[in-house]
Amino acid sequence: AVAIADDYEDATPRVVLTVEEVGQ
């Protein structure tokens, strides 16, 4: 999954890449 977020302490927007094994 790819998302964007800016809810960090520095409020800098970032691209968030998540990779998960099926069943995990």
PDBML (XML) file of the C-alpha atoms, coordinates in Angstrom:
<?xml version="1.0" encoding="UTF-8" ?>
<PDBx:datablock datablockName="MODEL"
   xmlns:PDBx="http://pdbml.pdb.org/schema/pdbx-v50.xsd"
   xmlns:xsi="http://www.w3.org/2001/XMLSchema-instance"
   xsi:schemaLocation="http://pdbml.pdb.org/schema/pdbx-v50.xsd pdbx-v50.xsd">
   <PDBx:atom_siteCategory>
      <PDBx:atom_site id="1">
         <PDBx:B_iso_or_equiv>0.00</PDBx:B_iso_or_equiv>
         <PDBx:Cartn_x>0.000</PDBx:Cartn_x>
         <PDBx:Cartn_y>0.000</PDBx:Cartn_y>
         <PDBx:Cartn_z>0.000</PDBx:Cartn_z>
         <PDBx:auth_asym_id>A</PDBx:auth_asym_id>
         <PDBx:auth_atom_id>CA</PDBx:auth_atom_id>
         <PDBx:auth_comp_id>ALA</PDBx:auth_comp_id>
         <PDBx:auth_seq_id>1</PDBx:auth_seq_id>
         <PDBx:group_PDB>ATOM</PDBx:group_PDB>
         <PDBx:label_alt_id xsi:nil="true" />
         <PDBx:label_asym_id>A</PDBx:label_asym_id>
         <PDBx:label_atom_id>CA</PDBx:label_atom_id>
         <PDBx:label_comp_id>ALA</PDBx:label_comp_id>
         <PDBx:label_entity_id>1</PDBx:label_entity_id>
         <PDBx:label_seq_id>1</PDBx:label_seq_id>
         <PDBx:occupancy>1.00</PDBx:occupancy>
         <PDBx:pdbx_PDB_model_num>1</PDBx:pdbx_PDB_model_num>
         <PDBx:type_symbol>C</PDBx:type_symbol>
      </PDBx:atom_site>
      <PDBx:atom_site id="2">
         <PDBx:B_iso_or_equiv>0.00</PDBx:B_iso_or_equiv>
         <PDBx:Cartn_x>1.105</PDBx:Cartn_x>
         <PDBx:Cartn_y>3.565</PDBx:Cartn_y>
         <PDBx:Cartn_z>-0.701</PDBx:Cartn_z>
         <PDBx:auth_asym_id>A</PDBx:auth_asym_id>
         <PDBx:auth_atom_id>CA</PDBx:auth_atom_id>
         <PDBx:auth_comp_id>VAL</PDBx:auth_comp_id>
         <PDBx:auth_seq_id>2</PDBx:auth_seq_id>
         <PDBx:group_PDB>ATOM</PDBx:group_PDB>
         <PDBx:label_alt_id xsi:nil="true" />
         <PDBx:label_asym_id>A</PDBx:label_asym_id>
         <PDBx:label_atom_id>CA</PDBx:label_atom_id>
         <PDBx:label_comp_id>VAL</PDBx:label_comp_id>
         <PDBx:label_entity_id>1</PDBx:label_entity_id>
         <PDBx:label_seq_id>2</PDBx:label_seq_id>
         <PDBx:occupancy>1.00</PDBx:occupancy>
         <PDBx:pdbx_PDB_model_num>1</PDBx:pdbx_PDB_model_num>
         <PDBx:type_symbol>C</PDBx:type_symbol>
      </PDBx:atom_site>
      <PDBx:atom_site id="3">
         <PDBx:B_iso_or_equiv>0.00</PDBx:B_iso_or_equiv>
         <PDBx:Cartn_x>-0.208</PDBx:Cartn_x>
         <PDBx:Cartn_y>6.516</PDBx:Cartn_y>
         <PDBx:Cartn_z>1.279</PDBx:Cartn_z>
         <PDBx:auth_asym_id>A</PDBx:auth_asym_id>
         <PDBx:auth_atom_id>CA</PDBx:auth_atom_id>
         <PDBx:auth_comp_id>ALA</PDBx:auth_comp_id>
         <PDBx:auth_seq_id>3</PDBx:auth_seq_id>
         <PDBx:group_PDB>ATOM</PDBx:group_PDB>
         <PDBx:label_alt_id xsi:nil="true" />
         <PDBx:label_asym_id>A</PDBx:label_asym_id>
         <PDBx:label_atom_id>CA</PDBx:label_atom_id>
         <PDBx:label_comp_id>ALA</PDBx:label_comp_id>
         <PDBx:label_entity_id>1</PDBx:label_entity_id>
         <PDBx:label_seq_id>3</PDBx:label_seq_id>
         <PDBx:occupancy>1.00</PDBx:occupancy>
         <PDBx:pdbx_PDB_model_num>1</PDBx:pdbx_PDB_model_num>
         <PDBx:type_symbol>C</PDBx:type_symbol>
      </PDBx:atom_site>
      <PDBx:atom_site id="4">
         <PDBx:B_iso_or_equiv>0.00</PDBx:B_iso_or_equiv>
         <PDBx:Cartn_x>0.777</PDBx:Cartn_x>
         <PDBx:Cartn_y>10.033</PDBx:Cartn_y>
         <PDBx:Cartn_z>2.217</PDBx:Cartn_z>
         <PDBx:auth_asym_id>A</PDBx:auth_asym_id>
         <PDBx:auth_atom_id>CA</PDBx:auth_atom_id>
         <PDBx:auth_comp_id>ILE</PDBx:auth_comp_id>
         <PDBx:auth_seq_id>4</PDBx:auth_seq_id>
         <PDBx:group_PDB>ATOM</PDBx:group_PDB>
         <PDBx:label_alt_id xsi:nil="true" />
         <PDBx:label_asym_id>A</PDBx:label_asym_id>
         <PDBx:label_atom_id>CA</PDBx:label_atom_id>
         <PDBx:label_comp_id>ILE</PDBx:label_comp_id>
         <PDBx:label_entity_id>1</PDBx:label_entity_id>
         <PDBx:label_seq_id>4</PDBx:label_seq_id>
         <PDBx:occupancy>1.00</PDBx:occupancy>
         <PDBx:pdbx_PDB_model_num>1</PDBx:pdbx_PDB_model_num>
         <PDBx:type_symbol>C</PDBx:type_symbol>
      </PDBx:atom_site>
      <PDBx:atom_site id="5">
         <PDBx:B_iso_or_equiv>0.00</PDBx:B_iso_or_equiv>
         <PDBx:Cartn_x>0.940</PDBx:Cartn_x>
         <PDBx:Cartn_y>11.431</PDBx:Cartn_y>
         <PDBx:Cartn_z>5.732</PDBx:Cartn_z>
         <PDBx:auth_asym_id>A</PDBx:auth_asym_id>
         <PDBx:auth_atom_id>CA</PDBx:auth_atom_id>
         <PDBx:auth_comp_id>ALA</PDBx:auth_comp_id>
         <PDBx:auth_seq_id>5</PDBx:auth_seq_id>
         <PDBx:group_PDB>ATOM</PDBx:group_PDB>
         <PDBx:label_alt_id xsi:nil="true" />
         <PDBx:label_asym_id>A</PDBx:label_asym_id>
         <PDBx:label_atom_id>CA</PDBx:label_atom_id>
         <PDBx:label_comp_id>ALA</PDBx:label_comp_id>
         <PDBx:label_entity_id>1</PDBx:label_entity_id>
         <PDBx:label_seq_id>5</PDBx:label_seq_id>
         <PDBx:occupancy>1.00</PDBx:occupancy>
         <PDBx:pdbx_PDB_model_num>1</PDBx:pdbx_PDB_model_num>
         <PDBx:type_symbol>C</PDBx:type_symbol>
      </PDBx:atom_site>
      <PDBx:atom_site id="6">
         <PDBx:B_iso_or_equiv>0.00</PDBx:B_iso_or_equiv>
         <PDBx:Cartn_x>2.016</PDBx:Cartn_x>
         <PDBx:Cartn_y>14.603</PDBx:Cartn_y>
         <PDBx:Cartn_z>7.475</PDBx:Cartn_z>
         <PDBx:auth_asym_id>A</PDBx:auth_asym_id>
         <PDBx:auth_atom_id>CA</PDBx:auth_atom_id>
         <PDBx:auth_comp_id>ASP</PDBx:auth_comp_id>
         <PDBx:auth_seq_id>6</PDBx:auth_seq_id>
         <PDBx:group_PDB>ATOM</PDBx:group_PDB>
         <PDBx:label_alt_id xsi:nil="true" />
         <PDBx:label_asym_id>A</PDBx:label_asym_id>
         <PDBx:label_atom_id>CA</PDBx:label_atom_id>
         <PDBx:label_comp_id>ASP</PDBx:label_comp_id>
         <PDBx:label_entity_id>1</PDBx:label_entity_id>
         <PDBx:label_seq_id>6</PDBx:label_seq_id>
         <PDBx:occupancy>1.00</PDBx:occupancy>
         <PDBx:pdbx_PDB_model_num>1</PDBx:pdbx_PDB_model_num>
         <PDBx:type_symbol>C</PDBx:type_symbol>
      </PDBx:atom_site>
      <PDBx:atom_site id="7">
         <PDBx:B_iso_or_equiv>0.00</PDBx:B_iso_or_equiv>
         <PDBx:Cartn_x>1.157</PDBx:Cartn_x>
         <PDBx:Cartn_y>13.746</PDBx:Cartn_y>
         <PDBx:Cartn_z>11.085</PDBx:Cartn_z>
         <PDBx:auth_asym_id>A</PDBx:auth_asym_id>
         <PDBx:auth_atom_id>CA</PDBx:auth_atom_id>
         <PDBx:auth_comp_id>ASP</PDBx:auth_comp_id>
         <PDBx:auth_seq_id>7</PDBx:auth_seq_id>
         <PDBx:group_PDB>ATOM</PDBx:group_PDB>
         <PDBx:label_alt_id xsi:nil="true" />
         <PDBx:label_asym_id>A</PDBx:label_asym_id>
         <PDBx:label_atom_id>CA</PDBx:label_atom_id>
         <PDBx:label_comp_id>ASP</PDBx:label_comp_id>
         <PDBx:label_entity_id>1</PDBx:label_entity_id>
         <PDBx:label_seq_id>7</PDBx:label_seq_id>
         <PDBx:occupancy>1.00</PDBx:occupancy>
         <PDBx:pdbx_PDB_model_num>1</PDBx:pdbx_PDB_model_num>
         <PDBx:type_symbol>C</PDBx:type_symbol>
      </PDBx:atom_site>
      <PDBx:atom_site id="8">
         <PDBx:B_iso_or_equiv>0.00</PDBx:B_iso_or_equiv>
         <PDBx:Cartn_x>4.755</PDBx:Cartn_x>
         <PDBx:Cartn_y>13.749</PDBx:Cartn_y>
         <PDBx:Cartn_z>12.282</PDBx:Cartn_z>
         <PDBx:auth_asym_id>A</PDBx:auth_asym_id>
         <PDBx:auth_atom_id>CA</PDBx:auth_atom_id>
         <PDBx:auth_comp_id>TYR</PDBx:auth_comp_id>
         <PDBx:auth_seq_id>8</PDBx:auth_seq_id>
         <PDBx:group_PDB>ATOM</PDBx:group_PDB>
         <PDBx:label_alt_id xsi:nil="true" />
         <PDBx:label_asym_id>A</PDBx:label_asym_id>
         <PDBx:label_atom_id>CA</PDBx:label_atom_id>
         <PDBx:label_comp_id>TYR</PDBx:label_comp_id>
         <PDBx:label_entity_id>1</PDBx:label_entity_id>
         <PDBx:label_seq_id>8</PDBx:label_seq_id>
         <PDBx:occupancy>1.00</PDBx:occupancy>
         <PDBx:pdbx_PDB_model_num>1</PDBx:pdbx_PDB_model_num>
         <PDBx:type_symbol>C</PDBx:type_symbol>
      </PDBx:atom_site>
      <PDBx:atom_site id="9">
         <PDBx:B_iso_or_equiv>0.00</PDBx:B_iso_or_equiv>
         <PDBx:Cartn_x>6.337</PDBx:Cartn_x>
         <PDBx:Cartn_y>16.040</PDBx:Cartn_y>
         <PDBx:Cartn_z>14.863</PDBx:Cartn_z>
         <PDBx:auth_asym_id>A</PDBx:auth_asym_id>
         <PDBx:auth_atom_id>CA</PDBx:auth_atom_id>
         <PDBx:auth_comp_id>GLU</PDBx:auth_comp_id>
         <PDBx:auth_seq_id>9</PDBx:auth_seq_id>
         <PDBx:group_PDB>ATOM</PDBx:group_PDB>
         <PDBx:label_alt_id xsi:nil="true" />
         <PDBx:label_asym_id>A</PDBx:label_asym_id>
         <PDBx:label_atom_id>CA</PDBx:label_atom_id>
         <PDBx:label_comp_id>GLU</PDBx:label_comp_id>
         <PDBx:label_entity_id>1</PDBx:label_entity_id>
         <PDBx:label_seq_id>9</PDBx:label_seq_id>
         <PDBx:occupancy>1.00</PDBx:occupancy>
         <PDBx:pdbx_PDB_model_num>1</PDBx:pdbx_PDB_model_num>
         <PDBx:type_symbol>C</PDBx:type_symbol>
      </PDBx:atom_site>
      <PDBx:atom_site id="10">
         <PDBx:B_iso_or_equiv>0.00</PDBx:B_iso_or_equiv>
         <PDBx:Cartn_x>7.856</PDBx:Cartn_x>
         <PDBx:Cartn_y>18.136</PDBx:Cartn_y>
         <PDBx:Cartn_z>12.058</PDBx:Cartn_z>
         <PDBx:auth_asym_id>A</PDBx:auth_asym_id>
         <PDBx:auth_atom_id>CA</PDBx:auth_atom_id>
         <PDBx:auth_comp_id>ASP</PDBx:auth_comp_id>
         <PDBx:auth_seq_id>10</PDBx:auth_seq_id>
         <PDBx:group_PDB>ATOM</PDBx:group_PDB>
         <PDBx:label_alt_id xsi:nil="true" />
         <PDBx:label_asym_id>A</PDBx:label_asym_id>
         <PDBx:label_atom_id>CA</PDBx:label_atom_id>
         <PDBx:label_comp_id>ASP</PDBx:label_comp_id>
         <PDBx:label_entity_id>1</PDBx:label_entity_id>
         <PDBx:label_seq_id>10</PDBx:label_seq_id>
         <PDBx:occupancy>1.00</PDBx:occupancy>
         <PDBx:pdbx_PDB_model_num>1</PDBx:pdbx_PDB_model_num>
         <PDBx:type_symbol>C</PDBx:type_symbol>
      </PDBx:atom_site>
      <PDBx:atom_site id="11">
         <PDBx:B_iso_or_equiv>0.00</PDBx:B_iso_or_equiv>
         <PDBx:Cartn_x>4.589</PDBx:Cartn_x>
         <PDBx:Cartn_y>18.111</PDBx:Cartn_y>
         <PDBx:Cartn_z>10.011</PDBx:Cartn_z>
         <PDBx:auth_asym_id>A</PDBx:auth_asym_id>
         <PDBx:auth_atom_id>CA</PDBx:auth_atom_id>
         <PDBx:auth_comp_id>ALA</PDBx:auth_comp_id>
         <PDBx:auth_seq_id>11</PDBx:auth_seq_id>
         <PDBx:group_PDB>ATOM</PDBx:group_PDB>
         <PDBx:label_alt_id xsi:nil="true" />
         <PDBx:label_asym_id>A</PDBx:label_asym_id>
         <PDBx:label_atom_id>CA</PDBx:label_atom_id>
         <PDBx:label_comp_id>ALA</PDBx:label_comp_id>
         <PDBx:label_entity_id>1</PDBx:label_entity_id>
         <PDBx:label_seq_id>11</PDBx:label_seq_id>
         <PDBx:occupancy>1.00</PDBx:occupancy>
         <PDBx:pdbx_PDB_model_num>1</PDBx:pdbx_PDB_model_num>
         <PDBx:type_symbol>C</PDBx:type_symbol>
      </PDBx:atom_site>
      <PDBx:atom_site id="12">
         <PDBx:B_iso_or_equiv>0.00</PDBx:B_iso_or_equiv>
         <PDBx:Cartn_x>6.597</PDBx:Cartn_x>
         <PDBx:Cartn_y>17.309</PDBx:Cartn_y>
         <PDBx:Cartn_z>6.865</PDBx:Cartn_z>
         <PDBx:auth_asym_id>A</PDBx:auth_asym_id>
         <PDBx:auth_atom_id>CA</PDBx:auth_atom_id>
         <PDBx:auth_comp_id>THR</PDBx:auth_comp_id>
         <PDBx:auth_seq_id>12</PDBx:auth_seq_id>
         <PDBx:group_PDB>ATOM</PDBx:group_PDB>
         <PDBx:label_alt_id xsi:nil="true" />
         <PDBx:label_asym_id>A</PDBx:label_asym_id>
         <PDBx:label_atom_id>CA</PDBx:label_atom_id>
         <PDBx:label_comp_id>THR</PDBx:label_comp_id>
         <PDBx:label_entity_id>1</PDBx:label_entity_id>
         <PDBx:label_seq_id>12</PDBx:label_seq_id>
         <PDBx:occupancy>1.00</PDBx:occupancy>
         <PDBx:pdbx_PDB_model_num>1</PDBx:pdbx_PDB_model_num>
         <PDBx:type_symbol>C</PDBx:type_symbol>
      </PDBx:atom_site>
      <PDBx:atom_site id="13">
         <PDBx:B_iso_or_equiv>0.00</PDBx:B_iso_or_equiv>
         <PDBx:Cartn_x>4.566</PDBx:Cartn_x>
         <PDBx:Cartn_y>15.287</PDBx:Cartn_y>
         <PDBx:Cartn_z>4.340</PDBx:Cartn_z>
         <PDBx:auth_asym_id>A</PDBx:auth_asym_id>
         <PDBx:auth_atom_id>CA</PDBx:auth_atom_id>
         <PDBx:auth_comp_id>PRO</PDBx:auth_comp_id>
         <PDBx:auth_seq_id>13</PDBx:auth_seq_id>
         <PDBx:group_PDB>ATOM</PDBx:group_PDB>
         <PDBx:label_alt_id xsi:nil="true" />
         <PDBx:label_asym_id>A</PDBx:label_asym_id>
         <PDBx:label_atom_id>CA</PDBx:label_atom_id>
         <PDBx:label_comp_id>PRO</PDBx:label_comp_id>
         <PDBx:label_entity_id>1</PDBx:label_entity_id>
         <PDBx:label_seq_id>13</PDBx:label_seq_id>
         <PDBx:occupancy>1.00</PDBx:occupancy>
         <PDBx:pdbx_PDB_model_num>1</PDBx:pdbx_PDB_model_num>
         <PDBx:type_symbol>C</PDBx:type_symbol>
      </PDBx:atom_site>
      <PDBx:atom_site id="14">
         <PDBx:B_iso_or_equiv>0.00</PDBx:B_iso_or_equiv>
         <PDBx:Cartn_x>5.979</PDBx:Cartn_x>
         <PDBx:Cartn_y>11.876</PDBx:Cartn_y>
         <PDBx:Cartn_z>3.503</PDBx:Cartn_z>
         <PDBx:auth_asym_id>A</PDBx:auth_asym_id>
         <PDBx:auth_atom_id>CA</PDBx:auth_atom_id>
         <PDBx:auth_comp_id>ARG</PDBx:auth_comp_id>
         <PDBx:auth_seq_id>14</PDBx:auth_seq_id>
         <PDBx:group_PDB>ATOM</PDBx:group_PDB>
         <PDBx:label_alt_id xsi:nil="true" />
         <PDBx:label_asym_id>A</PDBx:label_asym_id>
         <PDBx:label_atom_id>CA</PDBx:label_atom_id>
         <PDBx:label_comp_id>ARG</PDBx:label_comp_id>
         <PDBx:label_entity_id>1</PDBx:label_entity_id>
         <PDBx:label_seq_id>14</PDBx:label_seq_id>
         <PDBx:occupancy>1.00</PDBx:occupancy>
         <PDBx:pdbx_PDB_model_num>1</PDBx:pdbx_PDB_model_num>
         <PDBx:type_symbol>C</PDBx:type_symbol>
      </PDBx:atom_site>
      <PDBx:atom_site id="15">
         <PDBx:B_iso_or_equiv>0.00</PDBx:B_iso_or_equiv>
         <PDBx:Cartn_x>5.149</PDBx:Cartn_x>
         <PDBx:Cartn_y>8.975</PDBx:Cartn_y>
         <PDBx:Cartn_z>1.244</PDBx:Cartn_z>
         <PDBx:auth_asym_id>A</PDBx:auth_asym_id>
         <PDBx:auth_atom_id>CA</PDBx:auth_atom_id>
         <PDBx:auth_comp_id>VAL</PDBx:auth_comp_id>
         <PDBx:auth_seq_id>15</PDBx:auth_seq_id>
         <PDBx:group_PDB>ATOM</PDBx:group_PDB>
         <PDBx:label_alt_id xsi:nil="true" />
         <PDBx:label_asym_id>A</PDBx:label_asym_id>
         <PDBx:label_atom_id>CA</PDBx:label_atom_id>
         <PDBx:label_comp_id>VAL</PDBx:label_comp_id>
         <PDBx:label_entity_id>1</PDBx:label_entity_id>
         <PDBx:label_seq_id>15</PDBx:label_seq_id>
         <PDBx:occupancy>1.00</PDBx:occupancy>
         <PDBx:pdbx_PDB_model_num>1</PDBx:pdbx_PDB_model_num>
         <PDBx:type_symbol>C</PDBx:type_symbol>
      </PDBx:atom_site>
      <PDBx:atom_site id="16">
         <PDBx:B_iso_or_equiv>0.00</PDBx:B_iso_or_equiv>
         <PDBx:Cartn_x>4.312</PDBx:Cartn_x>
         <PDBx:Cartn_y>5.897</PDBx:Cartn_y>
         <PDBx:Cartn_z>3.303</PDBx:Cartn_z>
         <PDBx:auth_asym_id>A</PDBx:auth_asym_id>
         <PDBx:auth_atom_id>CA</PDBx:auth_atom_id>
         <PDBx:auth_comp_id>VAL</PDBx:auth_comp_id>
         <PDBx:auth_seq_id>16</PDBx:auth_seq_id>
         <PDBx:group_PDB>ATOM</PDBx:group_PDB>
         <PDBx:label_alt_id xsi:nil="true" />
         <PDBx:label_asym_id>A</PDBx:label_asym_id>
         <PDBx:label_atom_id>CA</PDBx:label_atom_id>
         <PDBx:label_comp_id>VAL</PDBx:label_comp_id>
         <PDBx:label_entity_id>1</PDBx:label_entity_id>
         <PDBx:label_seq_id>16</PDBx:label_seq_id>
         <PDBx:occupancy>1.00</PDBx:occupancy>
         <PDBx:pdbx_PDB_model_num>1</PDBx:pdbx_PDB_model_num>
         <PDBx:type_symbol>C</PDBx:type_symbol>
      </PDBx:atom_site>
      <PDBx:atom_site id="17">
         <PDBx:B_iso_or_equiv>0.00</PDBx:B_iso_or_equiv>
         <PDBx:Cartn_x>5.001</PDBx:Cartn_x>
         <PDBx:Cartn_y>2.483</PDBx:Cartn_y>
         <PDBx:Cartn_z>1.754</PDBx:Cartn_z>
         <PDBx:auth_asym_id>A</PDBx:auth_asym_id>
         <PDBx:auth_atom_id>CA</PDBx:auth_atom_id>
         <PDBx:auth_comp_id>LEU</PDBx:auth_comp_id>
         <PDBx:auth_seq_id>17</PDBx:auth_seq_id>
         <PDBx:group_PDB>ATOM</PDBx:group_PDB>
         <PDBx:label_alt_id xsi:nil="true" />
         <PDBx:label_asym_id>A</PDBx:label_asym_id>
         <PDBx:label_atom_id>CA</PDBx:label_atom_id>
         <PDBx:label_comp_id>LEU</PDBx:label_comp_id>
         <PDBx:label_entity_id>1</PDBx:label_entity_id>
         <PDBx:label_seq_id>17</PDBx:label_seq_id>
         <PDBx:occupancy>1.00</PDBx:occupancy>
         <PDBx:pdbx_PDB_model_num>1</PDBx:pdbx_PDB_model_num>
         <PDBx:type_symbol>C</PDBx:type_symbol>
      </PDBx:atom_site>
      <PDBx:atom_site id="18">
         <PDBx:B_iso_or_equiv>0.00</PDBx:B_iso_or_equiv>
         <PDBx:Cartn_x>3.669</PDBx:Cartn_x>
         <PDBx:Cartn_y>-0.579</PDBx:Cartn_y>
         <PDBx:Cartn_z>3.575</PDBx:Cartn_z>
         <PDBx:auth_asym_id>A</PDBx:auth_asym_id>
         <PDBx:auth_atom_id>CA</PDBx:auth_atom_id>
         <PDBx:auth_comp_id>THR</PDBx:auth_comp_id>
         <PDBx:auth_seq_id>18</PDBx:auth_seq_id>
         <PDBx:group_PDB>ATOM</PDBx:group_PDB>
         <PDBx:label_alt_id xsi:nil="true" />
         <PDBx:label_asym_id>A</PDBx:label_asym_id>
         <PDBx:label_atom_id>CA</PDBx:label_atom_id>
         <PDBx:label_comp_id>THR</PDBx:label_comp_id>
         <PDBx:label_entity_id>1</PDBx:label_entity_id>
         <PDBx:label_seq_id>18</PDBx:label_seq_id>
         <PDBx:occupancy>1.00</PDBx:occupancy>
         <PDBx:pdbx_PDB_model_num>1</PDBx:pdbx_PDB_model_num>
         <PDBx:type_symbol>C</PDBx:type_symbol>
      </PDBx:atom_site>
      <PDBx:atom_site id="19">
         <PDBx:B_iso_or_equiv>0.00</PDBx:B_iso_or_equiv>
         <PDBx:Cartn_x>4.551</PDBx:Cartn_x>
         <PDBx:Cartn_y>-4.152</PDBx:Cartn_y>
         <PDBx:Cartn_z>2.588</PDBx:Cartn_z>
         <PDBx:auth_asym_id>A</PDBx:auth_asym_id>
         <PDBx:auth_atom_id>CA</PDBx:auth_atom_id>
         <PDBx:auth_comp_id>VAL</PDBx:auth_comp_id>
         <PDBx:auth_seq_id>19</PDBx:auth_seq_id>
         <PDBx:group_PDB>ATOM</PDBx:group_PDB>
         <PDBx:label_alt_id xsi:nil="true" />
         <PDBx:label_asym_id>A</PDBx:label_asym_id>
         <PDBx:label_atom_id>CA</PDBx:label_atom_id>
         <PDBx:label_comp_id>VAL</PDBx:label_comp_id>
         <PDBx:label_entity_id>1</PDBx:label_entity_id>
         <PDBx:label_seq_id>19</PDBx:label_seq_id>
         <PDBx:occupancy>1.00</PDBx:occupancy>
         <PDBx:pdbx_PDB_model_num>1</PDBx:pdbx_PDB_model_num>
         <PDBx:type_symbol>C</PDBx:type_symbol>
      </PDBx:atom_site>
      <PDBx:atom_site id="20">
         <PDBx:B_iso_or_equiv>0.00</PDBx:B_iso_or_equiv>
         <PDBx:Cartn_x>2.899</PDBx:Cartn_x>
         <PDBx:Cartn_y>-7.041</PDBx:Cartn_y>
         <PDBx:Cartn_z>4.436</PDBx:Cartn_z>
         <PDBx:auth_asym_id>A</PDBx:auth_asym_id>
         <PDBx:auth_atom_id>CA</PDBx:auth_atom_id>
         <PDBx:auth_comp_id>GLU</PDBx:auth_comp_id>
         <PDBx:auth_seq_id>20</PDBx:auth_seq_id>
         <PDBx:group_PDB>ATOM</PDBx:group_PDB>
         <PDBx:label_alt_id xsi:nil="true" />
         <PDBx:label_asym_id>A</PDBx:label_asym_id>
         <PDBx:label_atom_id>CA</PDBx:label_atom_id>
         <PDBx:label_comp_id>GLU</PDBx:label_comp_id>
         <PDBx:label_entity_id>1</PDBx:label_entity_id>
         <PDBx:label_seq_id>20</PDBx:label_seq_id>
         <PDBx:occupancy>1.00</PDBx:occupancy>
         <PDBx:pdbx_PDB_model_num>1</PDBx:pdbx_PDB_model_num>
         <PDBx:type_symbol>C</PDBx:type_symbol>
      </PDBx:atom_site>
      <PDBx:atom_site id="21">
         <PDBx:B_iso_or_equiv>0.00</PDBx:B_iso_or_equiv>
         <PDBx:Cartn_x>3.069</PDBx:Cartn_x>
         <PDBx:Cartn_y>-10.781</PDBx:Cartn_y>
         <PDBx:Cartn_z>4.059</PDBx:Cartn_z>
         <PDBx:auth_asym_id>A</PDBx:auth_asym_id>
         <PDBx:auth_atom_id>CA</PDBx:auth_atom_id>
         <PDBx:auth_comp_id>GLU</PDBx:auth_comp_id>
         <PDBx:auth_seq_id>21</PDBx:auth_seq_id>
         <PDBx:group_PDB>ATOM</PDBx:group_PDB>
         <PDBx:label_alt_id xsi:nil="true" />
         <PDBx:label_asym_id>A</PDBx:label_asym_id>
         <PDBx:label_atom_id>CA</PDBx:label_atom_id>
         <PDBx:label_comp_id>GLU</PDBx:label_comp_id>
         <PDBx:label_entity_id>1</PDBx:label_entity_id>
         <PDBx:label_seq_id>21</PDBx:label_seq_id>
         <PDBx:occupancy>1.00</PDBx:occupancy>
         <PDBx:pdbx_PDB_model_num>1</PDBx:pdbx_PDB_model_num>
         <PDBx:type_symbol>C</PDBx:type_symbol>
      </PDBx:atom_site>
      <PDBx:atom_site id="22">
         <PDBx:B_iso_or_equiv>0.00</PDBx:B_iso_or_equiv>
         <PDBx:Cartn_x>-0.324</PDBx:Cartn_x>
         <PDBx:Cartn_y>-12.398</PDBx:Cartn_y>
         <PDBx:Cartn_z>3.509</PDBx:Cartn_z>
         <PDBx:auth_asym_id>A</PDBx:auth_asym_id>
         <PDBx:auth_atom_id>CA</PDBx:auth_atom_id>
         <PDBx:auth_comp_id>VAL</PDBx:auth_comp_id>
         <PDBx:auth_seq_id>22</PDBx:auth_seq_id>
         <PDBx:group_PDB>ATOM</PDBx:group_PDB>
         <PDBx:label_alt_id xsi:nil="true" />
         <PDBx:label_asym_id>A</PDBx:label_asym_id>
         <PDBx:label_atom_id>CA</PDBx:label_atom_id>
         <PDBx:label_comp_id>VAL</PDBx:label_comp_id>
         <PDBx:label_entity_id>1</PDBx:label_entity_id>
         <PDBx:label_seq_id>22</PDBx:label_seq_id>
         <PDBx:occupancy>1.00</PDBx:occupancy>
         <PDBx:pdbx_PDB_model_num>1</PDBx:pdbx_PDB_model_num>
         <PDBx:type_symbol>C</PDBx:type_symbol>
      </PDBx:atom_site>
      <PDBx:atom_site id="23">
         <PDBx:B_iso_or_equiv>0.00</PDBx:B_iso_or_equiv>
         <PDBx:Cartn_x>-1.708</PDBx:Cartn_x>
         <PDBx:Cartn_y>-13.584</PDBx:Cartn_y>
         <PDBx:Cartn_z>6.836</PDBx:Cartn_z>
         <PDBx:auth_asym_id>A</PDBx:auth_asym_id>
         <PDBx:auth_atom_id>CA</PDBx:auth_atom_id>
         <PDBx:auth_comp_id>GLY</PDBx:auth_comp_id>
         <PDBx:auth_seq_id>23</PDBx:auth_seq_id>
         <PDBx:group_PDB>ATOM</PDBx:group_PDB>
         <PDBx:label_alt_id xsi:nil="true" />
         <PDBx:label_asym_id>A</PDBx:label_asym_id>
         <PDBx:label_atom_id>CA</PDBx:label_atom_id>
         <PDBx:label_comp_id>GLY</PDBx:label_comp_id>
         <PDBx:label_entity_id>1</PDBx:label_entity_id>
         <PDBx:label_seq_id>23</PDBx:label_seq_id>
         <PDBx:occupancy>1.00</PDBx:occupancy>
         <PDBx:pdbx_PDB_model_num>1</PDBx:pdbx_PDB_model_num>
         <PDBx:type_symbol>C</PDBx:type_symbol>
      </PDBx:atom_site>
      <PDBx:atom_site id="24">
         <PDBx:B_iso_or_equiv>0.00</PDBx:B_iso_or_equiv>
         <PDBx:Cartn_x>0.575</PDBx:Cartn_x>
         <PDBx:Cartn_y>-11.271</PDBx:Cartn_y>
         <PDBx:Cartn_z>8.819</PDBx:Cartn_z>
         <PDBx:auth_asym_id>A</PDBx:auth_asym_id>
         <PDBx:auth_atom_id>CA</PDBx:auth_atom_id>
         <PDBx:auth_comp_id>GLN</PDBx:auth_comp_id>
         <PDBx:auth_seq_id>24</PDBx:auth_seq_id>
         <PDBx:group_PDB>ATOM</PDBx:group_PDB>
         <PDBx:label_alt_id xsi:nil="true" />
         <PDBx:label_asym_id>A</PDBx:label_asym_id>
         <PDBx:label_atom_id>CA</PDBx:label_atom_id>
         <PDBx:label_comp_id>GLN</PDBx:label_comp_id>
         <PDBx:label_entity_id>1</PDBx:label_entity_id>
         <PDBx:label_seq_id>24</PDBx:label_seq_id>
         <PDBx:occupancy>1.00</PDBx:occupancy>
         <PDBx:pdbx_PDB_model_num>1</PDBx:pdbx_PDB_model_num>
         <PDBx:type_symbol>C</PDBx:type_symbol>
      </PDBx:atom_site>
   </PDBx:atom_siteCategory>
</PDBx:datablock>
